[in-house]
Structure formats: C-alpha cells, structure tokens
Amino acid sequence: VRRGHLGTAAIWVSDLLGSNPLYVVAAFQFVM
C-alpha cells in the first residue's frame, strides 16, 4: 500500500523490541 514503508518499519522495530508500534512512532517523531 502507498505510504506503507514507514509503518512496516515501525512494526518490525516494535516486534524486535517487544513494544507497541505506537511507541516506536512517537519516539521517531521525537527524534525528528
């Protein structure tokens, strides 16, 4: 799906960390 790359990466990182994808996105937004 268009625009899906970043969300896919966020889910991959969340699975790696055992975390909620929402937290990964919020952390990414904070860094940006």
PDB file of all heavy atoms in Angstrom:
ATOM      1  N   VAL A   1       0.847  -1.186   0.000  1.00  0.00           N
ATOM      2  CA  VAL A   1       0.000   0.000   0.000  1.00  0.00           C
ATOM      3  C   VAL A   1       0.886   1.241   0.000  1.00  0.00           C
ATOM      4  O   VAL A   1       1.976   1.245   0.592  1.00  0.00           O
ATOM      5  CB  VAL A   1      -0.937   0.001   1.238  1.00  0.00           C
ATOM      6  CG1 VAL A   1      -0.141  -0.018   2.526  1.00  0.00           C
ATOM      7  CG2 VAL A   1      -1.873   1.204   1.216  1.00  0.00           C
ATOM      8  N   ARG A   2       0.440   2.267  -0.708  1.00  0.00           N
ATOM      9  CA  ARG A   2       1.196   3.519  -0.724  1.00  0.00           C
ATOM     10  C   ARG A   2       1.334   4.056   0.699  1.00  0.00           C
ATOM     11  O   ARG A   2       0.446   3.888   1.522  1.00  0.00           O
ATOM     12  CB  ARG A   2       0.514   4.541  -1.628  1.00  0.00           C
ATOM     13  CG  ARG A   2      -0.911   4.913  -1.200  1.00  0.00           C
ATOM     14  CD  ARG A   2      -1.585   5.777  -2.248  1.00  0.00           C
ATOM     15  NE  ARG A   2      -2.995   6.000  -1.949  1.00  0.00           N
ATOM     16  CZ  ARG A   2      -3.463   7.077  -1.320  1.00  0.00           C
ATOM     17  NH1 ARG A   2      -2.630   8.019  -0.925  1.00  0.00           N
ATOM     18  NH2 ARG A   2      -4.753   7.200  -1.088  1.00  0.00           N
ATOM     19  N   ARG A   3       2.445   4.680   0.964  1.00  0.00           N
ATOM     20  CA  ARG A   3       2.774   5.235   2.283  1.00  0.00           C
ATOM     21  C   ARG A   3       3.040   4.153   3.329  1.00  0.00           C
ATOM     22  O   ARG A   3       3.128   4.462   4.523  1.00  0.00           O
ATOM     23  CB  ARG A   3       1.668   6.167   2.804  1.00  0.00           C
ATOM     24  CG  ARG A   3       1.216   7.239   1.833  1.00  0.00           C
ATOM     25  CD  ARG A   3       0.115   8.105   2.421  1.00  0.00           C
ATOM     26  NE  ARG A   3      -0.489   8.957   1.422  1.00  0.00           N
ATOM     27  CZ  ARG A   3      -1.539   9.738   1.626  1.00  0.00           C
ATOM     28  NH1 ARG A   3      -2.098   9.773   2.834  1.00  0.00           N
ATOM     29  NH2 ARG A   3      -2.038  10.488   0.669  1.00  0.00           N
ATOM     30  N   GLY A   4       3.145   2.896   2.914  1.00  0.00           N
ATOM     31  CA  GLY A   4       3.228   1.822   3.891  1.00  0.00           C
ATOM     32  C   GLY A   4       4.614   1.476   4.387  1.00  0.00           C
ATOM     33  O   GLY A   4       4.753   0.707   5.347  1.00  0.00           O
ATOM     34  N   HIS A   5       5.668   2.017   3.775  1.00  0.00           N
ATOM     35  CA  HIS A   5       7.020   1.614   4.147  1.00  0.00           C
ATOM     36  C   HIS A   5       7.368   1.961   5.590  1.00  0.00           C
ATOM     37  O   HIS A   5       7.936   1.140   6.321  1.00  0.00           O
ATOM     38  CB  HIS A   5       8.038   2.261   3.200  1.00  0.00           C
ATOM     39  CG  HIS A   5       7.942   1.786   1.791  1.00  0.00           C
ATOM     40  ND1 HIS A   5       6.989   2.248   0.915  1.00  0.00           N
ATOM     41  CD2 HIS A   5       8.671   0.880   1.099  1.00  0.00           C
ATOM     42  CE1 HIS A   5       7.142   1.659  -0.258  1.00  0.00           C
ATOM     43  NE2 HIS A   5       8.158   0.817  -0.177  1.00  0.00           N
ATOM     44  N   LEU A   6       7.037   3.180   6.000  1.00  0.00           N
ATOM     45  CA  LEU A   6       7.422   3.618   7.338  1.00  0.00           C
ATOM     46  C   LEU A   6       6.677   2.816   8.405  1.00  0.00           C
ATOM     47  O   LEU A   6       7.270   2.420   9.417  1.00  0.00           O
ATOM     48  CB  LEU A   6       7.142   5.115   7.503  1.00  0.00           C
ATOM     49  CG  LEU A   6       7.747   5.783   8.741  1.00  0.00           C
ATOM     50  CD1 LEU A   6       9.269   5.675   8.723  1.00  0.00           C
ATOM     51  CD2 LEU A   6       7.318   7.243   8.820  1.00  0.00           C
ATOM     52  N   GLY A   7       5.390   2.586   8.194  1.00  0.00           N
ATOM     53  CA  GLY A   7       4.619   1.800   9.151  1.00  0.00           C
ATOM     54  C   GLY A   7       5.113   0.370   9.247  1.00  0.00           C
ATOM     55  O   GLY A   7       5.152  -0.218  10.342  1.00  0.00           O
ATOM     56  N   THR A   8       5.506  -0.182   8.102  1.00  0.00           N
ATOM     57  CA  THR A   8       6.067  -1.536   8.107  1.00  0.00           C
ATOM     58  C   THR A   8       7.346  -1.579   8.938  1.00  0.00           C
ATOM     59  O   THR A   8       7.557  -2.508   9.728  1.00  0.00           O
ATOM     60  CB  THR A   8       6.358  -1.997   6.664  1.00  0.00           C
ATOM     61  OG1 THR A   8       5.148  -1.958   5.903  1.00  0.00           O
ATOM     62  CG2 THR A   8       6.919  -3.402   6.655  1.00  0.00           C
ATOM     63  N   ALA A   9       8.193  -0.562   8.759  1.00  0.00           N
ATOM     64  CA  ALA A   9       9.430  -0.491   9.538  1.00  0.00           C
ATOM     65  C   ALA A   9       9.136  -0.328  11.023  1.00  0.00           C
ATOM     66  O   ALA A   9       9.807  -0.934  11.878  1.00  0.00           O
ATOM     67  CB  ALA A   9      10.291   0.664   9.040  1.00  0.00           C
ATOM     68  N   ALA A  10       8.119   0.488  11.347  1.00  0.00           N
ATOM     69  CA  ALA A  10       7.761   0.692  12.756  1.00  0.00           C
ATOM     70  C   ALA A  10       7.289  -0.611  13.390  1.00  0.00           C
ATOM     71  O   ALA A  10       7.636  -0.906  14.551  1.00  0.00           O
ATOM     72  CB  ALA A  10       6.671   1.766  12.871  1.00  0.00           C
ATOM     73  N   ILE A  11       6.511  -1.390  12.653  1.00  0.00           N
ATOM     74  CA  ILE A  11       6.051  -2.681  13.175  1.00  0.00           C
ATOM     75  C   ILE A  11       7.221  -3.635  13.352  1.00  0.00           C
ATOM     76  O   ILE A  11       7.310  -4.364  14.360  1.00  0.00           O
ATOM     77  CB  ILE A  11       4.984  -3.277  12.229  1.00  0.00           C
ATOM     78  CG1 ILE A  11       3.699  -2.453  12.317  1.00  0.00           C
ATOM     79  CG2 ILE A  11       4.706  -4.732  12.568  1.00  0.00           C
ATOM     80  CD1 ILE A  11       2.626  -2.876  11.341  1.00  0.00           C
ATOM     81  N   TRP A  12       8.142  -3.637  12.404  1.00  0.00           N
ATOM     82  CA  TRP A  12       9.322  -4.506  12.502  1.00  0.00           C
ATOM     83  C   TRP A  12      10.139  -4.162  13.747  1.00  0.00           C
ATOM     84  O   TRP A  12      10.559  -5.046  14.495  1.00  0.00           O
ATOM     85  CB  TRP A  12      10.168  -4.378  11.248  1.00  0.00           C
ATOM     86  CG  TRP A  12      11.388  -5.257  11.253  1.00  0.00           C
ATOM     87  CD1 TRP A  12      11.456  -6.565  10.917  1.00  0.00           C
ATOM     88  CD2 TRP A  12      12.709  -4.853  11.644  1.00  0.00           C
ATOM     89  NE1 TRP A  12      12.749  -7.029  11.060  1.00  0.00           N
ATOM     90  CE2 TRP A  12      13.537  -6.009  11.503  1.00  0.00           C
ATOM     91  CE3 TRP A  12      13.281  -3.665  12.073  1.00  0.00           C
ATOM     92  CZ2 TRP A  12      14.899  -5.990  11.787  1.00  0.00           C
ATOM     93  CZ3 TRP A  12      14.637  -3.631  12.365  1.00  0.00           C
ATOM     94  CH2 TRP A  12      15.428  -4.791  12.229  1.00  0.00           C
ATOM     95  N   VAL A  13      10.357  -2.847  13.980  1.00  0.00           N
ATOM     96  CA  VAL A  13      11.120  -2.420  15.159  1.00  0.00           C
ATOM     97  C   VAL A  13      10.367  -2.759  16.442  1.00  0.00           C
ATOM     98  O   VAL A  13      10.961  -3.214  17.431  1.00  0.00           O
ATOM     99  CB  VAL A  13      11.423  -0.904  15.090  1.00  0.00           C
ATOM    100  CG1 VAL A  13      12.055  -0.420  16.399  1.00  0.00           C
ATOM    101  CG2 VAL A  13      12.345  -0.600  13.916  1.00  0.00           C
ATOM    102  N   SER A  14       9.057  -2.564  16.434  1.00  0.00           N
ATOM    103  CA  SER A  14       8.277  -2.868  17.636  1.00  0.00           C
ATOM    104  C   SER A  14       8.327  -4.352  17.968  1.00  0.00           C
ATOM    105  O   SER A  14       8.386  -4.746  19.137  1.00  0.00           O
ATOM    106  CB  SER A  14       6.825  -2.404  17.461  1.00  0.00           C
ATOM    107  OG  SER A  14       6.136  -3.204  16.525  1.00  0.00           O
ATOM    108  N   ASP A  15       8.299  -5.195  16.928  1.00  0.00           N
ATOM    109  CA  ASP A  15       8.414  -6.644  17.161  1.00  0.00           C
ATOM    110  C   ASP A  15       9.794  -6.996  17.710  1.00  0.00           C
ATOM    111  O   ASP A  15       9.934  -7.856  18.591  1.00  0.00           O
ATOM    112  CB  ASP A  15       8.175  -7.403  15.858  1.00  0.00           C
ATOM    113  CG  ASP A  15       6.717  -7.387  15.425  1.00  0.00           C
ATOM    114  OD1 ASP A  15       5.862  -6.996  16.260  1.00  0.00           O
ATOM    115  OD2 ASP A  15       6.426  -7.746  14.275  1.00  0.00           O
ATOM    116  N   LEU A  16      10.802  -6.310  17.195  1.00  0.00           N
ATOM    117  CA  LEU A  16      12.166  -6.557  17.647  1.00  0.00           C
ATOM    118  C   LEU A  16      12.338  -6.183  19.116  1.00  0.00           C
ATOM    119  O   LEU A  16      13.024  -6.879  19.875  1.00  0.00           O
ATOM    120  CB  LEU A  16      13.143  -5.756  16.780  1.00  0.00           C
ATOM    121  CG  LEU A  16      14.640  -6.010  16.998  1.00  0.00           C
ATOM    122  CD1 LEU A  16      15.005  -7.431  16.578  1.00  0.00           C
ATOM    123  CD2 LEU A  16      15.457  -4.992  16.212  1.00  0.00           C
ATOM    124  N   LEU A  17      11.677  -5.085  19.508  1.00  0.00           N
ATOM    125  CA  LEU A  17      11.803  -4.590  20.886  1.00  0.00           C
ATOM    126  C   LEU A  17      10.727  -5.151  21.810  1.00  0.00           C
ATOM    127  O   LEU A  17      10.778  -4.912  23.030  1.00  0.00           O
ATOM    128  CB  LEU A  17      11.733  -3.061  20.899  1.00  0.00           C
ATOM    129  CG  LEU A  17      12.816  -2.317  20.109  1.00  0.00           C
ATOM    130  CD1 LEU A  17      12.552  -0.822  20.147  1.00  0.00           C
ATOM    131  CD2 LEU A  17      14.200  -2.624  20.662  1.00  0.00           C
ATOM    132  N   GLY A  18       9.731  -5.843  21.239  1.00  0.00           N
ATOM    133  CA  GLY A  18       8.612  -6.310  22.047  1.00  0.00           C
ATOM    134  C   GLY A  18       7.773  -5.170  22.569  1.00  0.00           C
ATOM    135  O   GLY A  18       7.279  -5.208  23.700  1.00  0.00           O
ATOM    136  N   SER A  19       7.578  -4.140  21.738  1.00  0.00           N
ATOM    137  CA  SER A  19       6.890  -2.922  22.156  1.00  0.00           C
ATOM    138  C   SER A  19       5.674  -2.672  21.280  1.00  0.00           C
ATOM    139  O   SER A  19       5.419  -3.379  20.299  1.00  0.00           O
ATOM    140  CB  SER A  19       7.854  -1.734  22.079  1.00  0.00           C
ATOM    141  OG  SER A  19       7.224  -0.524  22.454  1.00  0.00           O
ATOM    142  N   ASN A  20       4.905  -1.648  21.629  1.00  0.00           N
ATOM    143  CA  ASN A  20       3.756  -1.217  20.849  1.00  0.00           C
ATOM    144  C   ASN A  20       4.243  -0.350  19.688  1.00  0.00           C
ATOM    145  O   ASN A  20       5.061   0.546  19.887  1.00  0.00           O
ATOM    146  CB  ASN A  20       2.805  -0.425  21.749  1.00  0.00           C
ATOM    147  CG  ASN A  20       1.482  -0.125  21.075  1.00  0.00           C
ATOM    148  OD1 ASN A  20       1.431   0.320  19.940  1.00  0.00           O
ATOM    149  ND2 ASN A  20       0.398  -0.360  21.802  1.00  0.00           N
ATOM    150  N   PRO A  21       3.768  -0.574  18.458  1.00  0.00           N
ATOM    151  CA  PRO A  21       4.189   0.267  17.323  1.00  0.00           C
ATOM    152  C   PRO A  21       3.950   1.755  17.556  1.00  0.00           C
ATOM    153  O   PRO A  21       4.692   2.587  17.038  1.00  0.00           O
ATOM    154  CB  PRO A  21       3.328  -0.255  16.163  1.00  0.00           C
ATOM    155  CG  PRO A  21       2.994  -1.650  16.533  1.00  0.00           C
ATOM    156  CD  PRO A  21       2.862  -1.655  18.034  1.00  0.00           C
ATOM    157  N   LEU A  22       2.928   2.094  18.343  1.00  0.00           N
ATOM    158  CA  LEU A  22       2.648   3.493  18.640  1.00  0.00           C
ATOM    159  C   LEU A  22       3.827   4.142  19.350  1.00  0.00           C
ATOM    160  O   LEU A  22       4.184   5.300  19.062  1.00  0.00           O
ATOM    161  CB  LEU A  22       1.388   3.605  19.500  1.00  0.00           C
ATOM    162  CG  LEU A  22       1.013   5.011  19.972  1.00  0.00           C
ATOM    163  CD1 LEU A  22       0.692   5.917  18.795  1.00  0.00           C
ATOM    164  CD2 LEU A  22      -0.160   4.958  20.950  1.00  0.00           C
ATOM    165  N   TYR A  23       4.459   3.421  20.274  1.00  0.00           N
ATOM    166  CA  TYR A  23       5.601   3.964  20.998  1.00  0.00           C
ATOM    167  C   TYR A  23       6.791   4.179  20.067  1.00  0.00           C
ATOM    168  O   TYR A  23       7.538   5.160  20.214  1.00  0.00           O
ATOM    169  CB  TYR A  23       6.000   3.029  22.142  1.00  0.00           C
ATOM    170  CG  TYR A  23       4.902   2.760  23.152  1.00  0.00           C
ATOM    171  CD1 TYR A  23       4.903   1.597  23.909  1.00  0.00           C
ATOM    172  CD2 TYR A  23       3.867   3.666  23.332  1.00  0.00           C
ATOM    173  CE1 TYR A  23       3.892   1.339  24.834  1.00  0.00           C
ATOM    174  CE2 TYR A  23       2.852   3.428  24.253  1.00  0.00           C
ATOM    175  CZ  TYR A  23       2.870   2.258  24.996  1.00  0.00           C
ATOM    176  OH  TYR A  23       1.867   2.010  25.900  1.00  0.00           O
ATOM    177  N   VAL A  24       6.960   3.275  19.127  1.00  0.00           N
ATOM    178  CA  VAL A  24       8.050   3.417  18.155  1.00  0.00           C
ATOM    179  C   VAL A  24       7.839   4.661  17.305  1.00  0.00           C
ATOM    180  O   VAL A  24       8.770   5.442  17.065  1.00  0.00           O
ATOM    181  CB  VAL A  24       8.142   2.165  17.264  1.00  0.00           C
ATOM    182  CG1 VAL A  24       9.192   2.357  16.161  1.00  0.00           C
ATOM    183  CG2 VAL A  24       8.478   0.938  18.101  1.00  0.00           C
ATOM    184  N   VAL A  25       6.598   4.881  16.857  1.00  0.00           N
ATOM    185  CA  VAL A  25       6.287   6.064  16.048  1.00  0.00           C
ATOM    186  C   VAL A  25       6.509   7.337  16.858  1.00  0.00           C
ATOM    187  O   VAL A  25       7.102   8.307  16.357  1.00  0.00           O
ATOM    188  CB  VAL A  25       4.837   5.996  15.536  1.00  0.00           C
ATOM    189  CG1 VAL A  25       4.379   7.364  15.007  1.00  0.00           C
ATOM    190  CG2 VAL A  25       4.711   4.949  14.447  1.00  0.00           C
ATOM    191  N   ALA A  26       6.059   7.360  18.107  1.00  0.00           N
ATOM    192  CA  ALA A  26       6.234   8.549  18.946  1.00  0.00           C
ATOM    193  C   ALA A  26       7.715   8.848  19.166  1.00  0.00           C
ATOM    194  O   ALA A  26       8.136  10.019  19.123  1.00  0.00           O
ATOM    195  CB  ALA A  26       5.527   8.358  20.289  1.00  0.00           C
ATOM    196  N   ALA A  27       8.517   7.808  19.391  1.00  0.00           N
ATOM    197  CA  ALA A  27       9.958   8.003  19.567  1.00  0.00           C
ATOM    198  C   ALA A  27      10.579   8.551  18.288  1.00  0.00           C
ATOM    199  O   ALA A  27      11.444   9.441  18.336  1.00  0.00           O
ATOM    200  CB  ALA A  27      10.620   6.682  19.965  1.00  0.00           C
ATOM    201  N   PHE A  28      10.146   8.038  17.149  1.00  0.00           N
ATOM    202  CA  PHE A  28      10.642   8.526  15.860  1.00  0.00           C
ATOM    203  C   PHE A  28      10.265   9.987  15.663  1.00  0.00           C
ATOM    204  O   PHE A  28      11.092  10.804  15.205  1.00  0.00           O
ATOM    205  CB  PHE A  28      10.074   7.668  14.736  1.00  0.00           C
ATOM    206  CG  PHE A  28      10.486   8.108  13.355  1.00  0.00           C
ATOM    207  CD1 PHE A  28      11.761   7.840  12.879  1.00  0.00           C
ATOM    208  CD2 PHE A  28       9.591   8.774  12.533  1.00  0.00           C
ATOM    209  CE1 PHE A  28      12.141   8.242  11.605  1.00  0.00           C
ATOM    210  CE2 PHE A  28       9.956   9.173  11.263  1.00  0.00           C
ATOM    211  CZ  PHE A  28      11.233   8.911  10.799  1.00  0.00           C
ATOM    212  N   GLN A  29       9.032  10.346  15.992  1.00  0.00           N
ATOM    213  CA  GLN A  29       8.610  11.736  15.862  1.00  0.00           C
ATOM    214  C   GLN A  29       9.441  12.649  16.757  1.00  0.00           C
ATOM    215  O   GLN A  29       9.821  13.761  16.356  1.00  0.00           O
ATOM    216  CB  GLN A  29       7.119  11.866  16.218  1.00  0.00           C
ATOM    217  CG  GLN A  29       6.193  11.252  15.183  1.00  0.00           C
ATOM    218  CD  GLN A  29       4.729  11.343  15.581  1.00  0.00           C
ATOM    219  OE1 GLN A  29       4.381  11.215  16.753  1.00  0.00           O
ATOM    220  NE2 GLN A  29       3.857  11.536  14.601  1.00  0.00           N
ATOM    221  N   PHE A  30       9.740  12.186  17.962  1.00  0.00           N
ATOM    222  CA  PHE A  30      10.547  12.989  18.878  1.00  0.00           C
ATOM    223  C   PHE A  30      11.944  13.218  18.296  1.00  0.00           C
ATOM    224  O   PHE A  30      12.461  14.344  18.337  1.00  0.00           O
ATOM    225  CB  PHE A  30      10.649  12.300  20.241  1.00  0.00           C
ATOM    226  CG  PHE A  30      11.426  13.075  21.259  1.00  0.00           C
ATOM    227  CD1 PHE A  30      10.840  14.109  21.961  1.00  0.00           C
ATOM    228  CD2 PHE A  30      12.763  12.780  21.505  1.00  0.00           C
ATOM    229  CE1 PHE A  30      11.559  14.845  22.900  1.00  0.00           C
ATOM    230  CE2 PHE A  30      13.495  13.503  22.432  1.00  0.00           C
ATOM    231  CZ  PHE A  30      12.887  14.536  23.131  1.00  0.00           C
ATOM    232  N   VAL A  31      12.550  12.178  17.745  1.00  0.00           N
ATOM    233  CA  VAL A  31      13.885  12.325  17.141  1.00  0.00           C
ATOM    234  C   VAL A  31      13.834  13.310  15.972  1.00  0.00           C
ATOM    235  O   VAL A  31      14.721  14.170  15.827  1.00  0.00           O
ATOM    236  CB  VAL A  31      14.423  10.957  16.680  1.00  0.00           C
ATOM    237  CG1 VAL A  31      15.706  11.129  15.858  1.00  0.00           C
ATOM    238  CG2 VAL A  31      14.691  10.050  17.876  1.00  0.00           C
ATOM    239  N   MET A  32      12.812  13.199  15.140  1.00  0.00           N
ATOM    240  CA  MET A  32      12.682  14.123  14.009  1.00  0.00           C
ATOM    241  C   MET A  32      12.487  15.562  14.488  1.00  0.00           C
ATOM    242  O   MET A  32      13.021  16.500  13.894  1.00  0.00           O
ATOM    243  CB  MET A  32      11.499  13.708  13.127  1.00  0.00           C
ATOM    244  CG  MET A  32      11.719  12.425  12.331  1.00  0.00           C
ATOM    245  SD  MET A  32      13.072  12.506  11.139  1.00  0.00           S
ATOM    246  CE  MET A  32      14.309  11.514  12.004  1.00  0.00           C
TER     247      MET A  32
END
